[in-house]
Structure formats: structure tokens, C-alpha cells
Amino acid sequence: MVFRELLTRESILPKWREVLIAFRRLEDRGEIRGGRFVGNFLGEQFALPYAVESLRSMRSEAPTGDIITVSAADPLNLTGILVPGEKVPAISGRFVKFQDGVGVGESDRSPYVPPIASAG
């Protein structure tokens, strides 16, 4: 899924007009789809066909309560862009937690704690 506001976190990009021309060519060839897939954002949006189907199928799923933790430097850190809340800086060593697609916090600790090897 790509649209203009989503690219605001990127530092080195061509002009949106150039990106738009490339996406329209890909859409004409049937490689991506254009439309309005994510609400509350203006302008054209583009996605791979399987991403569109995935978004549509998620509308009918019940919340699971699962918590997912990603690095703040990960491109999935969309807090303050797509996900409500303040932006979490893309700093290595920081993590963002999401529950059912909603940001629920951030931390300086890795979500993974390796098991302690037993001697013997």
C-alpha cells in the first residue's frame, strides 16, 4: 500500500508526480491496483492485488487481542502516520507495540529475551 502521506517518513524520494506516473504505468499493466483503500487520506493509493484482498478480508475479522512488537526503525512503524498517536522516531533499539492494529506503547527493550542456557 502506497500513497503520498505514507511516504512522508522517507528522506530520499523523487517528486510525487514522478512516482505517480510510474504507479499509473504499473496499474495499466495490471501489476498493481489503484483506488481508495485506506480511509481519511486524500489522493490516489496503490497496492499489490493481494494486499487489497488482505485489507478487505481483515474488515470482517474479530479482534484477537494479540500484541505485535516491531522495531521503531521498521517500515511497519506507522504510528502517527496511519495509526493514531504521536510519531515514534525510527531509532534503533526502540520498539513499538500494537494490539489489533492500534499502537499501545513503546519501549527501549527488545521483545525477545533469549533463554538462559542451563549448565549441566
PDB file of N, CA and C in Angstrom:
ATOM      1  N   MET A   1       0.846  -1.156   0.000  1.00  0.00           N
ATOM      2  CA  MET A   1       0.000   0.000   0.000  1.00  0.00           C
ATOM      3  C   MET A   1       0.900   1.230   0.000  1.00  0.00           C
ATOM      4  N   VAL A   2       0.678   2.106  -0.946  1.00  0.00           N
ATOM      5  CA  VAL A   2       1.475   3.333  -1.032  1.00  0.00           C
ATOM      6  C   VAL A   2       0.553   4.492  -1.389  1.00  0.00           C
ATOM      7  N   PHE A   3       0.735   5.594  -0.687  1.00  0.00           N
ATOM      8  CA  PHE A   3       0.095   6.847  -1.042  1.00  0.00           C
ATOM      9  C   PHE A   3       0.970   7.971  -0.520  1.00  0.00           C
ATOM     10  N   ARG A   4       0.680   9.158  -0.974  1.00  0.00           N
ATOM     11  CA  ARG A   4       1.574  10.300  -0.747  1.00  0.00           C
ATOM     12  C   ARG A   4       1.935  10.508   0.726  1.00  0.00           C
ATOM     13  N   GLU A   5       0.948  10.540   1.607  1.00  0.00           N
ATOM     14  CA  GLU A   5       1.227  10.807   3.020  1.00  0.00           C
ATOM     15  C   GLU A   5       2.056   9.711   3.672  1.00  0.00           C
ATOM     16  N   LEU A   6       1.945   8.508   3.170  1.00  0.00           N
ATOM     17  CA  LEU A   6       2.718   7.393   3.720  1.00  0.00           C
ATOM     18  C   LEU A   6       4.209   7.576   3.466  1.00  0.00           C
ATOM     19  N   LEU A   7       4.539   8.281   2.401  1.00  0.00           N
ATOM     20  CA  LEU A   7       5.943   8.463   2.039  1.00  0.00           C
ATOM     21  C   LEU A   7       6.608   9.618   2.787  1.00  0.00           C
ATOM     22  N   THR A   8       5.903  10.286   3.668  1.00  0.00           N
ATOM     23  CA  THR A   8       6.484  11.427   4.383  1.00  0.00           C
ATOM     24  C   THR A   8       7.648  11.034   5.277  1.00  0.00           C
ATOM     25  N   ARG A   9       7.717   9.782   5.685  1.00  0.00           N
ATOM     26  CA  ARG A   9       8.805   9.358   6.560  1.00  0.00           C
ATOM     27  C   ARG A   9      10.093   9.056   5.797  1.00  0.00           C
ATOM     28  N   GLU A  10      10.006   8.982   4.480  1.00  0.00           N
ATOM     29  CA  GLU A  10      11.187   8.697   3.662  1.00  0.00           C
ATOM     30  C   GLU A  10      11.969   9.983   3.416  1.00  0.00           C
ATOM     31  N   SER A  11      13.287   9.869   3.417  1.00  0.00           N
ATOM     32  CA  SER A  11      14.106  11.067   3.269  1.00  0.00           C
ATOM     33  C   SER A  11      14.569  11.314   1.834  1.00  0.00           C
ATOM     34  N   ILE A  12      14.788  10.269   1.064  1.00  0.00           N
ATOM     35  CA  ILE A  12      15.274  10.442  -0.308  1.00  0.00           C
ATOM     36  C   ILE A  12      14.236   9.853  -1.263  1.00  0.00           C
ATOM     37  N   LEU A  13      13.484  10.729  -1.889  1.00  0.00           N
ATOM     38  CA  LEU A  13      12.439  10.298  -2.810  1.00  0.00           C
ATOM     39  C   LEU A  13      12.393  11.198  -4.027  1.00  0.00           C
ATOM     40  N   PRO A  14      11.967  10.640  -5.151  1.00  0.00           N
ATOM     41  CA  PRO A  14      11.693  11.528  -6.291  1.00  0.00           C
ATOM     42  C   PRO A  14      10.415  12.318  -6.002  1.00  0.00           C
ATOM     43  N   LYS A  15      10.087  13.243  -6.860  1.00  0.00           N
ATOM     44  CA  LYS A  15       8.860  14.019  -6.701  1.00  0.00           C
ATOM     45  C   LYS A  15       7.660  13.092  -6.829  1.00  0.00           C
ATOM     46  N   TRP A  16       6.601  13.396  -6.072  1.00  0.00           N
ATOM     47  CA  TRP A  16       5.403  12.556  -6.083  1.00  0.00           C
ATOM     48  C   TRP A  16       4.853  12.398  -7.493  1.00  0.00           C
ATOM     49  N   ARG A  17       4.932  13.438  -8.304  1.00  0.00           N
ATOM     50  CA  ARG A  17       4.441  13.360  -9.679  1.00  0.00           C
ATOM     51  C   ARG A  17       5.151  12.250 -10.457  1.00  0.00           C
ATOM     52  N   GLU A  18       6.453  12.107 -10.260  1.00  0.00           N
ATOM     53  CA  GLU A  18       7.214  11.053 -10.946  1.00  0.00           C
ATOM     54  C   GLU A  18       6.818   9.671 -10.434  1.00  0.00           C
ATOM     55  N   VAL A  19       6.607   9.555  -9.144  1.00  0.00           N
ATOM     56  CA  VAL A  19       6.181   8.290  -8.551  1.00  0.00           C
ATOM     57  C   VAL A  19       4.787   7.930  -9.079  1.00  0.00           C
ATOM     58  N   LEU A  20       3.922   8.911  -9.143  1.00  0.00           N
ATOM     59  CA  LEU A  20       2.558   8.710  -9.616  1.00  0.00           C
ATOM     60  C   LEU A  20       2.539   8.199 -11.055  1.00  0.00           C
ATOM     61  N   ILE A  21       3.385   8.756 -11.911  1.00  0.00           N
ATOM     62  CA  ILE A  21       3.468   8.307 -13.309  1.00  0.00           C
ATOM     63  C   ILE A  21       3.897   6.843 -13.367  1.00  0.00           C
ATOM     64  N   ALA A  22       4.892   6.476 -12.562  1.00  0.00           N
ATOM     65  CA  ALA A  22       5.366   5.086 -12.539  1.00  0.00           C
ATOM     66  C   ALA A  22       4.272   4.146 -12.033  1.00  0.00           C
ATOM     67  N   PHE A  23       3.565   4.545 -10.970  1.00  0.00           N
ATOM     68  CA  PHE A  23       2.485   3.708 -10.447  1.00  0.00           C
ATOM     69  C   PHE A  23       1.349   3.563 -11.443  1.00  0.00           C
ATOM     70  N   ARG A  24       1.023   4.611 -12.159  1.00  0.00           N
ATOM     71  CA  ARG A  24      -0.048   4.524 -13.160  1.00  0.00           C
ATOM     72  C   ARG A  24       0.342   3.575 -14.294  1.00  0.00           C
ATOM     73  N   ARG A  25       1.595   3.563 -14.660  1.00  0.00           N
ATOM     74  CA  ARG A  25       2.060   2.621 -15.698  1.00  0.00           C
ATOM     75  C   ARG A  25       1.931   1.183 -15.198  1.00  0.00           C
ATOM     76  N   LEU A  26       2.331   0.955 -13.937  1.00  0.00           N
ATOM     77  CA  LEU A  26       2.205  -0.388 -13.357  1.00  0.00           C
ATOM     78  C   LEU A  26       0.737  -0.807 -13.266  1.00  0.00           C
ATOM     79  N   GLU A  27      -0.134   0.150 -12.964  1.00  0.00           N
ATOM     80  CA  GLU A  27      -1.563  -0.139 -12.907  1.00  0.00           C
ATOM     81  C   GLU A  27      -2.089  -0.490 -14.293  1.00  0.00           C
ATOM     82  N   ASP A  28      -1.668   0.244 -15.313  1.00  0.00           N
ATOM     83  CA  ASP A  28      -2.099  -0.042 -16.685  1.00  0.00           C
ATOM     84  C   ASP A  28      -1.682  -1.444 -17.124  1.00  0.00           C
ATOM     85  N   ARG A  29      -0.546  -1.916 -16.636  1.00  0.00           N
ATOM     86  CA  ARG A  29      -0.064  -3.264 -16.975  1.00  0.00           C
ATOM     87  C   ARG A  29      -0.706  -4.337 -16.103  1.00  0.00           C
ATOM     88  N   GLY A  30      -1.496  -3.940 -15.109  1.00  0.00           N
ATOM     89  CA  GLY A  30      -2.168  -4.901 -14.245  1.00  0.00           C
ATOM     90  C   GLY A  30      -1.313  -5.424 -13.108  1.00  0.00           C
ATOM     91  N   GLU A  31      -0.163  -4.805 -12.875  1.00  0.00           N
ATOM     92  CA  GLU A  31       0.736  -5.284 -11.820  1.00  0.00           C
ATOM     93  C   GLU A  31       0.345  -4.778 -10.436  1.00  0.00           C
ATOM     94  N   ILE A  32      -0.284  -3.607 -10.369  1.00  0.00           N
ATOM     95  CA  ILE A  32      -0.771  -3.060  -9.107  1.00  0.00           C
ATOM     96  C   ILE A  32      -2.175  -2.530  -9.323  1.00  0.00           C
ATOM     97  N   ARG A  33      -2.851  -2.195  -8.222  1.00  0.00           N
ATOM     98  CA  ARG A  33      -4.193  -1.638  -8.314  1.00  0.00           C
ATOM     99  C   ARG A  33      -4.220  -0.237  -7.723  1.00  0.00           C
ATOM    100  N   GLY A  34      -4.985   0.624  -8.335  1.00  0.00           N
ATOM    101  CA  GLY A  34      -5.168   1.967  -7.837  1.00  0.00           C
ATOM    102  C   GLY A  34      -6.567   2.119  -7.282  1.00  0.00           C
ATOM    103  N   GLY A  35      -6.727   3.010  -6.318  1.00  0.00           N
ATOM    104  CA  GLY A  35      -8.051   3.229  -5.747  1.00  0.00           C
ATOM    105  C   GLY A  35      -7.955   3.932  -4.408  1.00  0.00           C
ATOM    106  N   ARG A  36      -9.004   3.772  -3.604  1.00  0.00           N
ATOM    107  CA  ARG A  36      -9.063   4.325  -2.247  1.00  0.00           C
ATOM    108  C   ARG A  36      -9.226   3.152  -1.302  1.00  0.00           C
ATOM    109  N   PHE A  37      -8.142   2.708  -0.689  1.00  0.00           N
ATOM    110  CA  PHE A  37      -8.166   1.517   0.151  1.00  0.00           C
ATOM    111  C   PHE A  37      -8.138   1.845   1.639  1.00  0.00           C
ATOM    112  N   VAL A  38      -7.497   2.949   1.993  1.00  0.00           N
ATOM    113  CA  VAL A  38      -7.379   3.371   3.386  1.00  0.00           C
ATOM    114  C   VAL A  38      -8.114   4.694   3.522  1.00  0.00           C
ATOM    115  N   GLY A  39      -9.081   4.753   4.435  1.00  0.00           N
ATOM    116  CA  GLY A  39      -9.886   5.951   4.611  1.00  0.00           C
ATOM    117  C   GLY A  39      -9.126   7.096   5.266  1.00  0.00           C
ATOM    118  N   ASN A  40      -9.689   8.289   5.163  1.00  0.00           N
ATOM    119  CA  ASN A  40      -9.165   9.512   5.786  1.00  0.00           C
ATOM    120  C   ASN A  40      -7.873  10.035   5.168  1.00  0.00           C
ATOM    121  N   PHE A  41      -7.539   9.572   3.966  1.00  0.00           N
ATOM    122  CA  PHE A  41      -6.356  10.075   3.270  1.00  0.00           C
ATOM    123  C   PHE A  41      -6.765  10.507   1.877  1.00  0.00           C
ATOM    124  N   LEU A  42      -6.293  11.671   1.474  1.00  0.00           N
ATOM    125  CA  LEU A  42      -6.632  12.212   0.165  1.00  0.00           C
ATOM    126  C   LEU A  42      -5.702  11.659  -0.900  1.00  0.00           C
ATOM    127  N   GLY A  43      -6.174  11.679  -2.123  1.00  0.00           N
ATOM    128  CA  GLY A  43      -5.332  11.320  -3.250  1.00  0.00           C
ATOM    129  C   GLY A  43      -5.346   9.844  -3.581  1.00  0.00           C
ATOM    130  N   GLU A  44      -4.605   9.542  -4.628  1.00  0.00           N
ATOM    131  CA  GLU A  44      -4.562   8.172  -5.123  1.00  0.00           C
ATOM    132  C   GLU A  44      -3.760   7.272  -4.210  1.00  0.00           C
ATOM    133  N   GLN A  45      -4.182   6.013  -4.164  1.00  0.00           N
ATOM    134  CA  GLN A  45      -3.497   4.992  -3.389  1.00  0.00           C
ATOM    135  C   GLN A  45      -3.242   3.810  -4.311  1.00  0.00           C
ATOM    136  N   PHE A  46      -2.137   3.113  -4.079  1.00  0.00           N
ATOM    137  CA  PHE A  46      -1.766   1.983  -4.920  1.00  0.00           C
ATOM    138  C   PHE A  46      -1.348   0.811  -4.048  1.00  0.00           C
ATOM    139  N   ALA A  47      -1.655  -0.396  -4.519  1.00  0.00           N
ATOM    140  CA  ALA A  47      -1.307  -1.589  -3.754  1.00  0.00           C
ATOM    141  C   ALA A  47      -1.193  -2.786  -4.686  1.00  0.00           C
ATOM    142  N   LEU A  48      -0.464  -3.787  -4.229  1.00  0.00           N
ATOM    143  CA  LEU A  48      -0.448  -5.059  -4.942  1.00  0.00           C
ATOM    144  C   LEU A  48      -1.815  -5.708  -4.776  1.00  0.00           C
ATOM    145  N   PRO A  49      -2.262  -6.474  -5.772  1.00  0.00           N
ATOM    146  CA  PRO A  49      -3.602  -7.074  -5.687  1.00  0.00           C
ATOM    147  C   PRO A  49      -3.832  -7.887  -4.414  1.00  0.00           C
ATOM    148  N   TYR A  50      -2.833  -8.668  -3.968  1.00  0.00           N
ATOM    149  CA  TYR A  50      -3.037  -9.474  -2.767  1.00  0.00           C
ATOM    150  C   TYR A  50      -3.154  -8.601  -1.521  1.00  0.00           C
ATOM    151  N   ALA A  51      -2.546  -7.415  -1.517  1.00  0.00           N
ATOM    152  CA  ALA A  51      -2.675  -6.511  -0.366  1.00  0.00           C
ATOM    153  C   ALA A  51      -4.096  -5.967  -0.276  1.00  0.00           C
ATOM    154  N   VAL A  52      -4.705  -5.682  -1.408  1.00  0.00           N
ATOM    155  CA  VAL A  52      -6.082  -5.201  -1.425  1.00  0.00           C
ATOM    156  C   VAL A  52      -7.013  -6.277  -0.870  1.00  0.00           C
ATOM    157  N   GLU A  53      -6.831  -7.506  -1.315  1.00  0.00           N
ATOM    158  CA  GLU A  53      -7.671  -8.607  -0.824  1.00  0.00           C
ATOM    159  C   GLU A  53      -7.450  -8.843   0.662  1.00  0.00           C
ATOM    160  N   SER A  54      -6.225  -8.705   1.122  1.00  0.00           N
ATOM    161  CA  SER A  54      -5.917  -8.875   2.542  1.00  0.00           C
ATOM    162  C   SER A  54      -6.608  -7.812   3.384  1.00  0.00           C
ATOM    163  N   LEU A  55      -6.570  -6.561   2.924  1.00  0.00           N
ATOM    164  CA  LEU A  55      -7.256  -5.488   3.640  1.00  0.00           C
ATOM    165  C   LEU A  55      -8.758  -5.735   3.698  1.00  0.00           C
ATOM    166  N   ARG A  56      -9.338  -6.170   2.606  1.00  0.00           N
ATOM    167  CA  ARG A  56     -10.776  -6.425   2.571  1.00  0.00           C
ATOM    168  C   ARG A  56     -11.161  -7.555   3.530  1.00  0.00           C
ATOM    169  N   SER A  57     -10.349  -8.599   3.589  1.00  0.00           N
ATOM    170  CA  SER A  57     -10.676  -9.734   4.458  1.00  0.00           C
ATOM    171  C   SER A  57     -10.548  -9.369   5.938  1.00  0.00           C
ATOM    172  N   MET A  58      -9.681  -8.417   6.267  1.00  0.00           N
ATOM    173  CA  MET A  58      -9.480  -8.031   7.668  1.00  0.00           C
ATOM    174  C   MET A  58     -10.677  -7.261   8.220  1.00  0.00           C
ATOM    175  N   ARG A  59     -11.473  -6.645   7.365  1.00  0.00           N
ATOM    176  CA  ARG A  59     -12.639  -5.890   7.830  1.00  0.00           C
ATOM    177  C   ARG A  59     -13.622  -6.762   8.597  1.00  0.00           C
ATOM    178  N   SER A  60     -13.708  -8.041   8.215  1.00  0.00           N
ATOM    179  CA  SER A  60     -14.698  -8.924   8.835  1.00  0.00           C
ATOM    180  C   SER A  60     -14.126  -9.751   9.986  1.00  0.00           C
ATOM    181  N   GLU A  61     -12.847  -9.631  10.258  1.00  0.00           N
ATOM    182  CA  GLU A  61     -12.245 -10.416  11.335  1.00  0.00           C
ATOM    183  C   GLU A  61     -12.479  -9.761  12.692  1.00  0.00           C
ATOM    184  N   ALA A  62     -12.721 -10.592  13.685  1.00  0.00           N
ATOM    185  CA  ALA A  62     -12.893 -10.101  15.055  1.00  0.00           C
ATOM    186  C   ALA A  62     -11.514  -9.825  15.668  1.00  0.00           C
ATOM    187  N   PRO A  63     -11.413  -8.837  16.561  1.00  0.00           N
ATOM    188  CA  PRO A  63     -10.133  -8.573  17.230  1.00  0.00           C
ATOM    189  C   PRO A  63      -9.657  -9.797  18.011  1.00  0.00           C
ATOM    190  N   THR A  64      -8.347 -10.037  17.977  1.00  0.00           N
ATOM    191  CA  THR A  64      -7.781 -11.204  18.662  1.00  0.00           C
ATOM    192  C   THR A  64      -7.130 -10.850  19.989  1.00  0.00           C
ATOM    193  N   GLY A  65      -6.744  -9.586  20.156  1.00  0.00           N
ATOM    194  CA  GLY A  65      -6.061  -9.190  21.379  1.00  0.00           C
ATOM    195  C   GLY A  65      -4.561  -9.439  21.334  1.00  0.00           C
ATOM    196  N   ASP A  66      -4.070 -10.014  20.223  1.00  0.00           N
ATOM    197  CA  ASP A  66      -2.636 -10.277  20.091  1.00  0.00           C
ATOM    198  C   ASP A  66      -1.850  -8.970  20.095  1.00  0.00           C
ATOM    199  N   ILE A  67      -0.693  -9.003  20.736  1.00  0.00           N
ATOM    200  CA  ILE A  67       0.206  -7.853  20.729  1.00  0.00           C
ATOM    201  C   ILE A  67       1.395  -8.176  19.840  1.00  0.00           C
ATOM    202  N   ILE A  68       1.661  -7.271  18.918  1.00  0.00           N
ATOM    203  CA  ILE A  68       2.792  -7.426  17.991  1.00  0.00           C
ATOM    204  C   ILE A  68       3.779  -6.316  18.296  1.00  0.00           C
ATOM    205  N   THR A  69       5.051  -6.670  18.403  1.00  0.00           N
ATOM    206  CA  THR A  69       6.096  -5.697  18.689  1.00  0.00           C
ATOM    207  C   THR A  69       7.021  -5.597  17.487  1.00  0.00           C
ATOM    208  N   VAL A  70       7.258  -4.377  17.026  1.00  0.00           N
ATOM    209  CA  VAL A  70       8.172  -4.155  15.907  1.00  0.00           C
ATOM    210  C   VAL A  70       9.197  -3.104  16.297  1.00  0.00           C
ATOM    211  N   SER A  71      10.318  -3.126  15.640  1.00  0.00           N
ATOM    212  CA  SER A  71      11.350  -2.120  15.860  1.00  0.00           C
ATOM    213  C   SER A  71      10.810  -0.759  15.432  1.00  0.00           C
ATOM    214  N   ALA A  72      11.162   0.274  16.162  1.00  0.00           N
ATOM    215  CA  ALA A  72      10.744   1.627  15.785  1.00  0.00           C
ATOM    216  C   ALA A  72      11.336   2.022  14.439  1.00  0.00           C
ATOM    217  N   ALA A  73      12.437   1.380  14.041  1.00  0.00           N
ATOM    218  CA  ALA A  73      13.075   1.667  12.758  1.00  0.00           C
ATOM    219  C   ALA A  73      12.455   0.859  11.612  1.00  0.00           C
ATOM    220  N   ASP A  74      11.540  -0.049  11.918  1.00  0.00           N
ATOM    221  CA  ASP A  74      10.904  -0.889  10.913  1.00  0.00           C
ATOM    222  C   ASP A  74       9.912  -0.065  10.092  1.00  0.00           C
ATOM    223  N   PRO A  75       9.818  -0.301   8.783  1.00  0.00           N
ATOM    224  CA  PRO A  75       8.831   0.416   7.980  1.00  0.00           C
ATOM    225  C   PRO A  75       7.389   0.193   8.451  1.00  0.00           C
ATOM    226  N   LEU A  76       7.135  -0.858   9.237  1.00  0.00           N
ATOM    227  CA  LEU A  76       5.802  -1.089   9.783  1.00  0.00           C
ATOM    228  C   LEU A  76       5.462  -0.162  10.936  1.00  0.00           C
ATOM    229  N   ASN A  77       6.422   0.620  11.391  1.00  0.00           N
ATOM    230  CA  ASN A  77       6.146   1.600  12.434  1.00  0.00           C
ATOM    231  C   ASN A  77       5.441   2.784  11.781  1.00  0.00           C
ATOM    232  N   LEU A  78       4.129   2.701  11.730  1.00  0.00           N
ATOM    233  CA  LEU A  78       3.327   3.745  11.085  1.00  0.00           C
ATOM    234  C   LEU A  78       2.547   4.564  12.108  1.00  0.00           C
ATOM    235  N   THR A  79       3.014   4.533  13.360  1.00  0.00           N
ATOM    236  CA  THR A  79       2.366   5.311  14.408  1.00  0.00           C
ATOM    237  C   THR A  79       2.517   6.793  14.095  1.00  0.00           C
ATOM    238  N   GLY A  80       1.415   7.491  14.129  1.00  0.00           N
ATOM    239  CA  GLY A  80       1.415   8.915  13.807  1.00  0.00           C
ATOM    240  C   GLY A  80       1.283   9.190  12.324  1.00  0.00           C
ATOM    241  N   ILE A  81       1.290   8.146  11.502  1.00  0.00           N
ATOM    242  CA  ILE A  81       1.106   8.294  10.058  1.00  0.00           C
ATOM    243  C   ILE A  81      -0.218   7.635   9.664  1.00  0.00           C
ATOM    244  N   LEU A  82      -0.302   6.327   9.815  1.00  0.00           N
ATOM    245  CA  LEU A  82      -1.545   5.593   9.567  1.00  0.00           C
ATOM    246  C   LEU A  82      -2.269   5.267  10.862  1.00  0.00           C
ATOM    247  N   VAL A  83      -1.488   4.941  11.873  1.00  0.00           N
ATOM    248  CA  VAL A  83      -2.032   4.533  13.162  1.00  0.00           C
ATOM    249  C   VAL A  83      -2.125   5.770  14.058  1.00  0.00           C
ATOM    250  N   PRO A  84      -3.265   5.973  14.737  1.00  0.00           N
ATOM    251  CA  PRO A  84      -3.398   7.139  15.605  1.00  0.00           C
ATOM    252  C   PRO A  84      -2.315   7.190  16.686  1.00  0.00           C
ATOM    253  N   GLY A  85      -1.964   8.381  17.101  1.00  0.00           N
ATOM    254  CA  GLY A  85      -0.960   8.576  18.145  1.00  0.00           C
ATOM    255  C   GLY A  85       0.168   9.450  17.646  1.00  0.00           C
ATOM    256  N   GLU A  86       1.101   9.720  18.541  1.00  0.00           N
ATOM    257  CA  GLU A  86       2.258  10.518  18.172  1.00  0.00           C
ATOM    258  C   GLU A  86       3.253   9.654  17.407  1.00  0.00           C
ATOM    259  N   LYS A  87       3.992  10.294  16.498  1.00  0.00           N
ATOM    260  CA  LYS A  87       5.026   9.568  15.760  1.00  0.00           C
ATOM    261  C   LYS A  87       6.067   9.046  16.724  1.00  0.00           C
ATOM    262  N   VAL A  88       6.512   7.823  16.485  1.00  0.00           N
ATOM    263  CA  VAL A  88       7.590   7.230  17.264  1.00  0.00           C
ATOM    264  C   VAL A  88       8.825   7.277  16.380  1.00  0.00           C
ATOM    265  N   PRO A  89       9.876   8.012  16.782  1.00  0.00           N
ATOM    266  CA  PRO A  89      11.058   8.146  15.935  1.00  0.00           C
ATOM    267  C   PRO A  89      11.668   6.792  15.582  1.00  0.00           C
ATOM    268  N   ALA A  90      12.156   6.690  14.370  1.00  0.00           N
ATOM    269  CA  ALA A  90      12.774   5.456  13.875  1.00  0.00           C
ATOM    270  C   ALA A  90      14.189   5.329  14.423  1.00  0.00           C
ATOM    271  N   ILE A  91      14.281   5.017  15.696  1.00  0.00           N
ATOM    272  CA  ILE A  91      15.570   4.908  16.379  1.00  0.00           C
ATOM    273  C   ILE A  91      15.844   3.438  16.669  1.00  0.00           C
ATOM    274  N   SER A  92      17.016   2.984  16.278  1.00  0.00           N
ATOM    275  CA  SER A  92      17.413   1.607  16.546  1.00  0.00           C
ATOM    276  C   SER A  92      17.420   1.367  18.049  1.00  0.00           C
ATOM    277  N   GLY A  93      16.921   0.228  18.467  1.00  0.00           N
ATOM    278  CA  GLY A  93      16.885  -0.103  19.883  1.00  0.00           C
ATOM    279  C   GLY A  93      15.572   0.265  20.554  1.00  0.00           C
ATOM    280  N   ARG A  94      14.680   0.942  19.833  1.00  0.00           N
ATOM    281  CA  ARG A  94      13.347   1.264  20.368  1.00  0.00           C
ATOM    282  C   ARG A  94      12.329   0.366  19.684  1.00  0.00           C
ATOM    283  N   PHE A  95      11.243   0.087  20.371  1.00  0.00           N
ATOM    284  CA  PHE A  95      10.226  -0.811  19.855  1.00  0.00           C
ATOM    285  C   PHE A  95       8.844  -0.216  20.047  1.00  0.00           C
ATOM    286  N   VAL A  96       7.924  -0.591  19.157  1.00  0.00           N
ATOM    287  CA  VAL A  96       6.543  -0.138  19.221  1.00  0.00           C
ATOM    288  C   VAL A  96       5.661  -1.372  19.327  1.00  0.00           C
ATOM    289  N   LYS A  97       4.643  -1.297  20.203  1.00  0.00           N
ATOM    290  CA  LYS A  97       3.725  -2.414  20.383  1.00  0.00           C
ATOM    291  C   LYS A  97       2.360  -2.044  19.809  1.00  0.00           C
ATOM    292  N   PHE A  98       1.757  -3.004  19.104  1.00  0.00           N
ATOM    293  CA  PHE A  98       0.432  -2.830  18.518  1.00  0.00           C
ATOM    294  C   PHE A  98      -0.474  -3.949  19.003  1.00  0.00           C
ATOM    295  N   GLN A  99      -1.713  -3.597  19.330  1.00  0.00           N
ATOM    296  CA  GLN A  99      -2.716  -4.593  19.670  1.00  0.00           C
ATOM    297  C   GLN A  99      -3.907  -4.368  18.766  1.00  0.00           C
ATOM    298  N   ASP A 100      -4.200  -5.368  17.950  1.00  0.00           N
ATOM    299  CA  ASP A 100      -5.293  -5.273  16.985  1.00  0.00           C
ATOM    300  C   ASP A 100      -5.172  -4.023  16.114  1.00  0.00           C
ATOM    301  N   GLY A 101      -3.955  -3.700  15.697  1.00  0.00           N
ATOM    302  CA  GLY A 101      -3.720  -2.582  14.787  1.00  0.00           C
ATOM    303  C   GLY A 101      -3.643  -1.221  15.440  1.00  0.00           C
ATOM    304  N   VAL A 102      -3.720  -1.165  16.760  1.00  0.00           N
ATOM    305  CA  VAL A 102      -3.670   0.107  17.475  1.00  0.00           C
ATOM    306  C   VAL A 102      -2.387   0.154  18.295  1.00  0.00           C
ATOM    307  N   GLY A 103      -1.675   1.280  18.212  1.00  0.00           N
ATOM    308  CA  GLY A 103      -0.450   1.436  18.999  1.00  0.00           C
ATOM    309  C   GLY A 103      -0.776   1.451  20.485  1.00  0.00           C
ATOM    310  N   VAL A 104      -0.097   0.591  21.254  1.00  0.00           N
ATOM    311  CA  VAL A 104      -0.359   0.517  22.693  1.00  0.00           C
ATOM    312  C   VAL A 104       0.854   0.878  23.529  1.00  0.00           C
ATOM    313  N   GLY A 105       1.946   1.283  22.897  1.00  0.00           N
ATOM    314  CA  GLY A 105       3.100   1.700  23.681  1.00  0.00           C
ATOM    315  C   GLY A 105       4.401   1.531  22.940  1.00  0.00           C
ATOM    316  N   GLU A 106       5.445   1.997  23.592  1.00  0.00           N
ATOM    317  CA  GLU A 106       6.793   1.860  23.044  1.00  0.00           C
ATOM    318  C   GLU A 106       7.740   1.558  24.186  1.00  0.00           C
ATOM    319  N   SER A 107       8.895   0.998  23.842  1.00  0.00           N
ATOM    320  CA  SER A 107       9.870   0.671  24.876  1.00  0.00           C
ATOM    321  C   SER A 107      11.270   0.700  24.301  1.00  0.00           C
ATOM    322  N   ASP A 108      12.244   0.686  25.205  1.00  0.00           N
ATOM    323  CA  ASP A 108      13.648   0.633  24.816  1.00  0.00           C
ATOM    324  C   ASP A 108      14.194  -0.782  24.895  1.00  0.00           C
ATOM    325  N   ARG A 109      13.347  -1.745  25.178  1.00  0.00           N
ATOM    326  CA  ARG A 109      13.817  -3.106  25.366  1.00  0.00           C
ATOM    327  C   ARG A 109      13.337  -3.999  24.239  1.00  0.00           C
ATOM    328  N   SER A 110      14.153  -4.937  23.903  1.00  0.00           N
ATOM    329  CA  SER A 110      13.810  -5.905  22.876  1.00  0.00           C
ATOM    330  C   SER A 110      12.667  -6.783  23.369  1.00  0.00           C
ATOM    331  N   PRO A 111      11.743  -7.166  22.482  1.00  0.00           N
ATOM    332  CA  PRO A 111      10.657  -8.038  22.896  1.00  0.00           C
ATOM    333  C   PRO A 111      11.124  -9.472  23.096  1.00  0.00           C
ATOM    334  N   TYR A 112      12.296  -9.787  22.626  1.00  0.00           N
ATOM    335  CA  TYR A 112      12.812 -11.161  22.694  1.00  0.00           C
ATOM    336  C   TYR A 112      13.806 -11.271  23.826  1.00  0.00           C
ATOM    337  N   VAL A 113      13.584 -12.214  24.693  1.00  0.00           N
ATOM    338  CA  VAL A 113      14.532 -12.486  25.775  1.00  0.00           C
ATOM    339  C   VAL A 113      15.025 -13.905  25.558  1.00  0.00           C
ATOM    340  N   PRO A 114      16.317 -14.064  25.224  1.00  0.00           N
ATOM    341  CA  PRO A 114      16.817 -15.419  24.946  1.00  0.00           C
ATOM    342  C   PRO A 114      16.787 -16.278  26.200  1.00  0.00           C
ATOM    343  N   PRO A 115      16.537 -17.580  26.033  1.00  0.00           N
ATOM    344  CA  PRO A 115      16.518 -18.465  27.197  1.00  0.00           C
ATOM    345  C   PRO A 115      17.908 -18.585  27.813  1.00  0.00           C
ATOM    346  N   ILE A 116      17.931 -18.777  29.102  1.00  0.00           N
ATOM    347  CA  ILE A 116      19.209 -18.966  29.811  1.00  0.00           C
ATOM    348  C   ILE A 116      19.615 -20.417  29.667  1.00  0.00           C
ATOM    349  N   ALA A 117      20.820 -20.621  29.178  1.00  0.00           N
ATOM    350  CA  ALA A 117      21.310 -21.983  28.994  1.00  0.00           C
ATOM    351  C   ALA A 117      21.649 -22.571  30.365  1.00  0.00           C
ATOM    352  N   SER A 118      21.187 -23.788  30.564  1.00  0.00           N
ATOM    353  CA  SER A 118      21.495 -24.442  31.845  1.00  0.00           C
ATOM    354  C   SER A 118      22.812 -25.177  31.746  1.00  0.00           C
ATOM    355  N   ALA A 119      23.563 -25.112  32.793  1.00  0.00           N
ATOM    356  CA  ALA A 119      24.854 -25.817  32.840  1.00  0.00           C
ATOM    357  C   ALA A 119      24.603 -27.237  33.277  1.00  0.00           C
ATOM    358  N   GLY A 120      25.068 -28.156  32.500  1.00  0.00           N
ATOM    359  CA  GLY A 120      24.969 -29.499  33.013  1.00  0.00           C
ATOM    360  C   GLY A 120      24.472 -30.431  32.051  1.00  0.00           C
TER     361      GLY A 120
END
